[in-house]
Amino acid sequence: MSQSSVDTHLLLAILKVAREECSHNHWDELEPVLAAAWEDLRDDGTPPWEIVADEIQHACRKEGMLAG
């Protein structure tokens, strides 16, 4: 499996968790859990949480999934 494929699968998994959790959590409560999962699962070549956090938060807000 290529690195970009692994990155895509990891991002989709994190987005799935975010989608399930965002509807009843605020970002401040959810973000540390997602960050820990991302950092535990990512490979050395995958961007760190600080790079993708804004994109995931934006996606949750865009889809109306964040409670606040």
PDB file of N, CA and C in Angstrom:
ATOM      1  N   MET A   1       0.851  -1.171   0.000  1.00  0.00           N
ATOM      2  CA  MET A   1       0.000   0.000   0.000  1.00  0.00           C
ATOM      3  C   MET A   1       0.897   1.234   0.000  1.00  0.00           C
ATOM      4  N   SER A   2       0.601   2.194  -0.864  1.00  0.00           N
ATOM      5  CA  SER A   2       1.425   3.398  -0.957  1.00  0.00           C
ATOM      6  C   SER A   2       1.176   4.324   0.225  1.00  0.00           C
ATOM      7  N   GLN A   3       2.124   5.237   0.456  1.00  0.00           N
ATOM      8  CA  GLN A   3       2.006   6.186   1.571  1.00  0.00           C
ATOM      9  C   GLN A   3       0.753   7.034   1.435  1.00  0.00           C
ATOM     10  N   SER A   4       0.446   7.516   0.230  1.00  0.00           N
ATOM     11  CA  SER A   4      -0.742   8.363   0.065  1.00  0.00           C
ATOM     12  C   SER A   4      -2.010   7.566   0.324  1.00  0.00           C
ATOM     13  N   SER A   5      -1.997   6.287   0.008  1.00  0.00           N
ATOM     14  CA  SER A   5      -3.139   5.428   0.291  1.00  0.00           C
ATOM     15  C   SER A   5      -3.328   5.250   1.792  1.00  0.00           C
ATOM     16  N   VAL A   6      -2.225   5.082   2.515  1.00  0.00           N
ATOM     17  CA  VAL A   6      -2.279   4.965   3.972  1.00  0.00           C
ATOM     18  C   VAL A   6      -2.792   6.270   4.570  1.00  0.00           C
ATOM     19  N   ASP A   7      -2.276   7.401   4.078  1.00  0.00           N
ATOM     20  CA  ASP A   7      -2.728   8.707   4.556  1.00  0.00           C
ATOM     21  C   ASP A   7      -4.231   8.871   4.342  1.00  0.00           C
ATOM     22  N   THR A   8      -4.711   8.464   3.182  1.00  0.00           N
ATOM     23  CA  THR A   8      -6.132   8.579   2.865  1.00  0.00           C
ATOM     24  C   THR A   8      -6.964   7.724   3.799  1.00  0.00           C
ATOM     25  N   HIS A   9      -6.549   6.500   4.041  1.00  0.00           N
ATOM     26  CA  HIS A   9      -7.288   5.608   4.942  1.00  0.00           C
ATOM     27  C   HIS A   9      -7.301   6.152   6.365  1.00  0.00           C
ATOM     28  N   LEU A  10      -6.175   6.693   6.811  1.00  0.00           N
ATOM     29  CA  LEU A  10      -6.100   7.269   8.145  1.00  0.00           C
ATOM     30  C   LEU A  10      -7.010   8.486   8.253  1.00  0.00           C
ATOM     31  N   LEU A  11      -6.965   9.357   7.261  1.00  0.00           N
ATOM     32  CA  LEU A  11      -7.815  10.544   7.276  1.00  0.00           C
ATOM     33  C   LEU A  11      -9.286  10.152   7.273  1.00  0.00           C
ATOM     34  N   LEU A  12      -9.658   9.187   6.474  1.00  0.00           N
ATOM     35  CA  LEU A  12     -11.056   8.741   6.431  1.00  0.00           C
ATOM     36  C   LEU A  12     -11.493   8.138   7.762  1.00  0.00           C
ATOM     37  N   ALA A  13     -10.607   7.394   8.406  1.00  0.00           N
ATOM     38  CA  ALA A  13     -10.943   6.815   9.708  1.00  0.00           C
ATOM     39  C   ALA A  13     -11.145   7.909  10.748  1.00  0.00           C
ATOM     40  N   ILE A  14     -10.263   8.895  10.759  1.00  0.00           N
ATOM     41  CA  ILE A  14     -10.385   9.997  11.716  1.00  0.00           C
ATOM     42  C   ILE A  14     -11.640  10.804  11.422  1.00  0.00           C
ATOM     43  N   LEU A  15     -11.937  11.039  10.155  1.00  0.00           N
ATOM     44  CA  LEU A  15     -13.159  11.768   9.808  1.00  0.00           C
ATOM     45  C   LEU A  15     -14.406  10.997  10.215  1.00  0.00           C
ATOM     46  N   LYS A  16     -14.361   9.676  10.103  1.00  0.00           N
ATOM     47  CA  LYS A  16     -15.505   8.872  10.529  1.00  0.00           C
ATOM     48  C   LYS A  16     -15.747   9.026  12.028  1.00  0.00           C
ATOM     49  N   VAL A  17     -14.679   8.972  12.807  1.00  0.00           N
ATOM     50  CA  VAL A  17     -14.804   9.172  14.252  1.00  0.00           C
ATOM     51  C   VAL A  17     -15.338  10.573  14.526  1.00  0.00           C
ATOM     52  N   ALA A  18     -14.771  11.558  13.847  1.00  0.00           N
ATOM     53  CA  ALA A  18     -15.218  12.940  14.046  1.00  0.00           C
ATOM     54  C   ALA A  18     -16.691  13.082  13.691  1.00  0.00           C
ATOM     55  N   ARG A  19     -17.101  12.494  12.602  1.00  0.00           N
ATOM     56  CA  ARG A  19     -18.501  12.579  12.158  1.00  0.00           C
ATOM     57  C   ARG A  19     -19.430  11.975  13.209  1.00  0.00           C
ATOM     58  N   GLU A  20     -19.032  10.856  13.793  1.00  0.00           N
ATOM     59  CA  GLU A  20     -19.869  10.191  14.793  1.00  0.00           C
ATOM     60  C   GLU A  20     -19.896  10.964  16.112  1.00  0.00           C
ATOM     61  N   GLU A  21     -18.786  11.602  16.457  1.00  0.00           N
ATOM     62  CA  GLU A  21     -18.668  12.259  17.751  1.00  0.00           C
ATOM     63  C   GLU A  21     -19.028  13.740  17.743  1.00  0.00           C
ATOM     64  N   CYS A  22     -18.835  14.413  16.628  1.00  0.00           N
ATOM     65  CA  CYS A  22     -19.031  15.867  16.587  1.00  0.00           C
ATOM     66  C   CYS A  22     -20.450  16.284  16.916  1.00  0.00           C
ATOM     67  N   SER A  23     -21.410  15.470  16.590  1.00  0.00           N
ATOM     68  CA  SER A  23     -22.799  15.874  16.771  1.00  0.00           C
ATOM     69  C   SER A  23     -23.176  16.046  18.236  1.00  0.00           C
ATOM     70  N   HIS A  24     -22.433  15.446  19.135  1.00  0.00           N
ATOM     71  CA  HIS A  24     -22.771  15.595  20.544  1.00  0.00           C
ATOM     72  C   HIS A  24     -21.590  16.078  21.381  1.00  0.00           C
ATOM     73  N   ASN A  25     -20.585  16.564  20.739  1.00  0.00           N
ATOM     74  CA  ASN A  25     -19.424  17.112  21.441  1.00  0.00           C
ATOM     75  C   ASN A  25     -19.044  18.461  20.859  1.00  0.00           C
ATOM     76  N   HIS A  26     -18.378  19.240  21.632  1.00  0.00           N
ATOM     77  CA  HIS A  26     -17.780  20.479  21.155  1.00  0.00           C
ATOM     78  C   HIS A  26     -16.360  20.168  20.716  1.00  0.00           C
ATOM     79  N   TRP A  27     -15.836  20.958  19.796  1.00  0.00           N
ATOM     80  CA  TRP A  27     -14.504  20.718  19.257  1.00  0.00           C
ATOM     81  C   TRP A  27     -13.460  20.654  20.359  1.00  0.00           C
ATOM     82  N   ASP A  28     -13.571  21.519  21.358  1.00  0.00           N
ATOM     83  CA  ASP A  28     -12.584  21.535  22.444  1.00  0.00           C
ATOM     84  C   ASP A  28     -12.539  20.213  23.208  1.00  0.00           C
ATOM     85  N   GLU A  29     -13.646  19.496  23.250  1.00  0.00           N
ATOM     86  CA  GLU A  29     -13.689  18.195  23.918  1.00  0.00           C
ATOM     87  C   GLU A  29     -13.218  17.079  22.988  1.00  0.00           C
ATOM     88  N   LEU A  30     -13.535  17.214  21.726  1.00  0.00           N
ATOM     89  CA  LEU A  30     -13.242  16.163  20.751  1.00  0.00           C
ATOM     90  C   LEU A  30     -11.802  16.200  20.244  1.00  0.00           C
ATOM     91  N   GLU A  31     -11.262  17.370  20.056  1.00  0.00           N
ATOM     92  CA  GLU A  31      -9.961  17.530  19.428  1.00  0.00           C
ATOM     93  C   GLU A  31      -8.832  16.754  20.111  1.00  0.00           C
ATOM     94  N   PRO A  32      -8.722  16.754  21.444  1.00  0.00           N
ATOM     95  CA  PRO A  32      -7.628  15.979  22.057  1.00  0.00           C
ATOM     96  C   PRO A  32      -7.725  14.475  21.774  1.00  0.00           C
ATOM     97  N   VAL A  33      -8.926  13.950  21.690  1.00  0.00           N
ATOM     98  CA  VAL A  33      -9.118  12.525  21.406  1.00  0.00           C
ATOM     99  C   VAL A  33      -8.704  12.217  19.970  1.00  0.00           C
ATOM    100  N   LEU A  34      -9.148  13.057  19.040  1.00  0.00           N
ATOM    101  CA  LEU A  34      -8.772  12.860  17.641  1.00  0.00           C
ATOM    102  C   LEU A  34      -7.271  13.029  17.445  1.00  0.00           C
ATOM    103  N   ALA A  35      -6.694  14.026  18.110  1.00  0.00           N
ATOM    104  CA  ALA A  35      -5.252  14.260  17.985  1.00  0.00           C
ATOM    105  C   ALA A  35      -4.461  13.050  18.471  1.00  0.00           C
ATOM    106  N   ALA A  36      -4.854  12.495  19.600  1.00  0.00           N
ATOM    107  CA  ALA A  36      -4.154  11.328  20.139  1.00  0.00           C
ATOM    108  C   ALA A  36      -4.269  10.138  19.195  1.00  0.00           C
ATOM    109  N   ALA A  37      -5.461   9.919  18.658  1.00  0.00           N
ATOM    110  CA  ALA A  37      -5.659   8.801  17.722  1.00  0.00           C
ATOM    111  C   ALA A  37      -4.825   9.004  16.467  1.00  0.00           C
ATOM    112  N   TRP A  38      -4.834  10.225  15.932  1.00  0.00           N
ATOM    113  CA  TRP A  38      -4.052  10.523  14.729  1.00  0.00           C
ATOM    114  C   TRP A  38      -2.569  10.259  14.965  1.00  0.00           C
ATOM    115  N   GLU A  39      -2.046  10.771  16.055  1.00  0.00           N
ATOM    116  CA  GLU A  39      -0.628  10.621  16.331  1.00  0.00           C
ATOM    117  C   GLU A  39      -0.245   9.162  16.602  1.00  0.00           C
ATOM    118  N   ASP A  40      -1.136   8.404  17.220  1.00  0.00           N
ATOM    119  CA  ASP A  40      -0.859   6.985  17.467  1.00  0.00           C
ATOM    120  C   ASP A  40      -0.842   6.177  16.179  1.00  0.00           C
ATOM    121  N   LEU A  41      -1.663   6.560  15.210  1.00  0.00           N
ATOM    122  CA  LEU A  41      -1.848   5.755  14.011  1.00  0.00           C
ATOM    123  C   LEU A  41      -1.014   6.188  12.815  1.00  0.00           C
ATOM    124  N   ARG A  42      -0.541   7.411  12.809  1.00  0.00           N
ATOM    125  CA  ARG A  42       0.127   7.906  11.610  1.00  0.00           C
ATOM    126  C   ARG A  42       1.536   7.341  11.460  1.00  0.00           C
ATOM    127  N   ASP A  43       1.966   7.255  10.197  1.00  0.00           N
ATOM    128  CA  ASP A  43       3.341   6.877   9.869  1.00  0.00           C
ATOM    129  C   ASP A  43       4.210   8.118   9.895  1.00  0.00           C
ATOM    130  N   ASP A  44       5.514   7.918   9.853  1.00  0.00           N
ATOM    131  CA  ASP A  44       6.447   9.045   9.857  1.00  0.00           C
ATOM    132  C   ASP A  44       6.202  10.017   8.704  1.00  0.00           C
ATOM    133  N   GLY A  45       5.754   9.512   7.579  1.00  0.00           N
ATOM    134  CA  GLY A  45       5.539  10.360   6.407  1.00  0.00           C
ATOM    135  C   GLY A  45       4.188  11.050   6.373  1.00  0.00           C
ATOM    136  N   THR A  46       3.318  10.704   7.293  1.00  0.00           N
ATOM    137  CA  THR A  46       1.990  11.307   7.353  1.00  0.00           C
ATOM    138  C   THR A  46       2.081  12.628   8.107  1.00  0.00           C
ATOM    139  N   PRO A  47       1.379  13.662   7.636  1.00  0.00           N
ATOM    140  CA  PRO A  47       1.461  14.961   8.320  1.00  0.00           C
ATOM    141  C   PRO A  47       1.035  14.857   9.785  1.00  0.00           C
ATOM    142  N   PRO A  48       1.673  15.642  10.652  1.00  0.00           N
ATOM    143  CA  PRO A  48       1.279  15.639  12.058  1.00  0.00           C
ATOM    144  C   PRO A  48      -0.102  16.271  12.244  1.00  0.00           C
ATOM    145  N   TRP A  49      -0.678  16.032  13.418  1.00  0.00           N
ATOM    146  CA  TRP A  49      -2.013  16.518  13.734  1.00  0.00           C
ATOM    147  C   TRP A  49      -2.137  18.025  13.506  1.00  0.00           C
ATOM    148  N   GLU A  50      -1.129  18.777  13.857  1.00  0.00           N
ATOM    149  CA  GLU A  50      -1.185  20.227  13.732  1.00  0.00           C
ATOM    150  C   GLU A  50      -1.459  20.667  12.297  1.00  0.00           C
ATOM    151  N   ILE A  51      -1.054  19.855  11.335  1.00  0.00           N
ATOM    152  CA  ILE A  51      -1.261  20.168   9.919  1.00  0.00           C
ATOM    153  C   ILE A  51      -2.695  19.865   9.495  1.00  0.00           C
ATOM    154  N   VAL A  52      -3.282  18.801   9.996  1.00  0.00           N
ATOM    155  CA  VAL A  52      -4.611  18.371   9.531  1.00  0.00           C
ATOM    156  C   VAL A  52      -5.759  18.804  10.435  1.00  0.00           C
ATOM    157  N   ALA A  53      -5.479  19.265  11.635  1.00  0.00           N
ATOM    158  CA  ALA A  53      -6.542  19.595  12.598  1.00  0.00           C
ATOM    159  C   ALA A  53      -7.512  20.624  12.054  1.00  0.00           C
ATOM    160  N   ASP A  54      -7.004  21.691  11.454  1.00  0.00           N
ATOM    161  CA  ASP A  54      -7.889  22.733  10.926  1.00  0.00           C
ATOM    162  C   ASP A  54      -8.781  22.191   9.815  1.00  0.00           C
ATOM    163  N   GLU A  55      -8.234  21.314   8.972  1.00  0.00           N
ATOM    164  CA  GLU A  55      -9.021  20.741   7.882  1.00  0.00           C
ATOM    165  C   GLU A  55     -10.159  19.876   8.419  1.00  0.00           C
ATOM    166  N   ILE A  56      -9.882  19.098   9.449  1.00  0.00           N
ATOM    167  CA  ILE A  56     -10.912  18.233  10.021  1.00  0.00           C
ATOM    168  C   ILE A  56     -11.966  19.073  10.730  1.00  0.00           C
ATOM    169  N   GLN A  57     -11.540  20.074  11.476  1.00  0.00           N
ATOM    170  CA  GLN A  57     -12.503  20.948  12.142  1.00  0.00           C
ATOM    171  C   GLN A  57     -13.357  21.673  11.100  1.00  0.00           C
ATOM    172  N   HIS A  58     -12.740  22.159  10.044  1.00  0.00           N
ATOM    173  CA  HIS A  58     -13.483  22.842   8.984  1.00  0.00           C
ATOM    174  C   HIS A  58     -14.502  21.903   8.338  1.00  0.00           C
ATOM    175  N   ALA A  59     -14.099  20.664   8.079  1.00  0.00           N
ATOM    176  CA  ALA A  59     -15.014  19.692   7.479  1.00  0.00           C
ATOM    177  C   ALA A  59     -16.206  19.423   8.395  1.00  0.00           C
ATOM    178  N   CYS A  60     -15.963  19.320   9.694  1.00  0.00           N
ATOM    179  CA  CYS A  60     -17.056  19.098  10.653  1.00  0.00           C
ATOM    180  C   CYS A  60     -18.016  20.286  10.664  1.00  0.00           C
ATOM    181  N   ARG A  61     -17.453  21.481  10.669  1.00  0.00           N
ATOM    182  CA  ARG A  61     -18.297  22.685  10.678  1.00  0.00           C
ATOM    183  C   ARG A  61     -19.082  22.821   9.375  1.00  0.00           C
ATOM    184  N   LYS A  62     -18.427  22.568   8.262  1.00  0.00           N
ATOM    185  CA  LYS A  62     -19.062  22.667   6.950  1.00  0.00           C
ATOM    186  C   LYS A  62     -20.248  21.715   6.840  1.00  0.00           C
ATOM    187  N   GLU A  63     -20.101  20.535   7.393  1.00  0.00           N
ATOM    188  CA  GLU A  63     -21.164  19.538   7.336  1.00  0.00           C
ATOM    189  C   GLU A  63     -22.198  19.724   8.445  1.00  0.00           C
ATOM    190  N   GLY A  64     -21.992  20.736   9.293  1.00  0.00           N
ATOM    191  CA  GLY A  64     -22.938  20.986  10.382  1.00  0.00           C
ATOM    192  C   GLY A  64     -22.888  19.930  11.468  1.00  0.00           C
ATOM    193  N   MET A  65     -21.707  19.319  11.642  1.00  0.00           N
ATOM    194  CA  MET A  65     -21.589  18.215  12.605  1.00  0.00           C
ATOM    195  C   MET A  65     -21.133  18.649  13.972  1.00  0.00           C
ATOM    196  N   LEU A  66     -20.637  19.871  14.125  1.00  0.00           N
ATOM    197  CA  LEU A  66     -20.182  20.308  15.450  1.00  0.00           C
ATOM    198  C   LEU A  66     -21.340  20.893  16.239  1.00  0.00           C
ATOM    199  N   ALA A  67     -21.376  20.529  17.503  1.00  0.00           N
ATOM    200  CA  ALA A  67     -22.430  21.031  18.384  1.00  0.00           C
ATOM    201  C   ALA A  67     -22.193  22.485  18.745  1.00  0.00           C
ATOM    202  N   GLY A  68     -20.971  22.919  18.765  1.00  0.00           N
ATOM    203  CA  GLY A  68     -20.701  24.311  19.137  1.00  0.00           C
ATOM    204  C   GLY A  68     -19.376  24.787  18.708  1.00  0.00           C
TER     205      GLY A  68
END
